[in-house]
């Protein structure tokens, strides 16, 4: 299982500056097939600068455990956020 990219990333407007909501399409390679899955996630920054990334329901037609997918997505989103690649 491998995360290829996040496409069509859009930030939803919000009133709270430490909580950012996004929607995107995750392109993943699962069991030698490329799958595009719509996702939504929230990045919440704590008072000490730590970041918590939560995902909504990930619905897709794949026969693969969801926990490794969420873990890989979380690492991918964290890397994109650290590089400044997410929309402001």
Protein backbone atom coordinates (compact mmCIF):
# COMPACT_ATOMS: atom_id res chain seq x y z
CA UNK A 1 0.00 0.00 0.00
CA UNK A 2 1.40 3.37 -1.03
CA UNK A 3 0.03 6.92 -1.11
CA UNK A 4 0.74 8.35 -4.56
CA UNK A 5 -0.64 11.89 -4.15
CA UNK A 6 -3.42 14.09 -2.85
CA UNK A 7 -5.37 15.82 -5.61
CA UNK A 8 -7.91 18.63 -5.61
CA UNK A 9 -7.04 19.75 -2.10
CA UNK A 10 -9.45 22.42 -0.88
CA UNK A 11 -9.54 24.16 2.46
CA UNK A 12 -12.95 24.77 3.97
CA UNK A 13 -13.35 28.22 5.52
CA UNK A 14 -13.43 28.22 9.30
CA UNK A 15 -13.67 30.65 12.16
CA UNK A 16 -11.07 29.04 14.44
CA UNK A 17 -7.47 29.70 13.40
CA UNK A 18 -5.95 26.61 15.04
CA UNK A 19 -8.28 24.17 13.30
CA UNK A 20 -8.09 23.70 9.53
CA UNK A 21 -10.49 21.50 7.53
CA UNK A 22 -9.63 20.08 4.12
CA UNK A 23 -11.18 17.90 1.45
CA UNK A 24 -9.15 16.06 -1.17
CA UNK A 25 -8.93 13.00 -3.36
CA UNK A 26 -6.29 10.51 -2.26
CA UNK A 27 -4.64 8.52 -5.02
CA UNK A 28 -3.31 5.25 -3.58
CA UNK A 29 -1.78 2.08 -4.87
CA UNK A 30 -3.43 -0.86 -3.10
CA UNK A 31 -2.69 -4.44 -4.07
CA UNK A 32 -1.16 -3.37 -7.42
CA UNK A 33 -4.25 -1.27 -8.31
CA UNK A 34 -4.50 2.51 -8.34
CA UNK A 35 -7.51 3.74 -6.37
CA UNK A 36 -8.85 7.29 -5.98
CA UNK A 37 -10.75 7.88 -2.73
CA UNK A 38 -12.39 11.12 -1.55
CA UNK A 39 -11.23 12.07 1.95
CA UNK A 40 -11.70 14.87 4.45
CA UNK A 41 -9.34 15.69 7.28
CA UNK A 42 -8.77 18.21 10.04
CA UNK A 43 -5.42 19.51 11.23
CA UNK A 44 -5.67 20.88 14.76
CA UNK A 45 -2.71 22.70 16.29
CA UNK A 46 -2.35 22.35 20.06
CA UNK A 47 -1.21 25.10 22.45
CA UNK A 48 2.38 23.82 22.35
CA UNK A 49 2.52 23.60 18.55
CA UNK A 50 1.82 19.88 18.28
CA UNK A 51 -0.46 18.91 15.40
CA UNK A 52 -3.25 16.35 15.48
CA UNK A 53 -4.57 15.03 12.16
CA UNK A 54 -8.00 13.38 12.12
CA UNK A 55 -9.74 11.81 9.14
CA UNK A 56 -13.46 11.51 8.49
CA UNK A 57 -14.97 8.39 6.98
CA UNK A 58 -12.76 6.92 4.28
CA UNK A 59 -15.06 5.12 1.92
CA UNK A 60 -13.62 3.10 -0.87
CA UNK A 61 -14.04 -0.18 -2.64
CA UNK A 62 -10.82 -1.85 -1.57
CA UNK A 63 -10.17 -5.02 0.36
CA UNK A 64 -7.37 -3.76 2.55
CA UNK A 65 -7.27 -2.93 6.29
CA UNK A 66 -8.17 0.70 6.97
CA UNK A 67 -5.66 1.34 9.80
CA UNK A 68 -2.51 1.16 7.61
CA UNK A 69 -4.23 3.44 5.09
CA UNK A 70 -5.03 6.04 7.77
CA UNK A 71 -1.50 5.83 9.18
CA UNK A 72 0.06 6.37 5.74
CA UNK A 73 -2.34 9.22 4.96
CA UNK A 74 -1.57 10.87 8.29
CA UNK A 75 2.19 10.76 7.60
CA UNK A 76 1.67 12.05 4.04
CA UNK A 77 -0.51 14.97 5.19
CA UNK A 78 1.92 15.82 8.00
CA UNK A 79 4.81 15.93 5.51
CA UNK A 80 2.80 18.14 3.11
CA UNK A 81 1.87 20.51 5.96
CA UNK A 82 5.50 20.77 7.12
CA UNK A 83 6.59 21.58 3.55
CA UNK A 84 3.85 24.23 3.19
CA UNK A 85 2.16 22.34 0.33
CA UNK A 86 -1.39 22.62 1.72
CA UNK A 87 -3.61 25.58 0.78
CA UNK A 88 -3.70 28.49 3.23
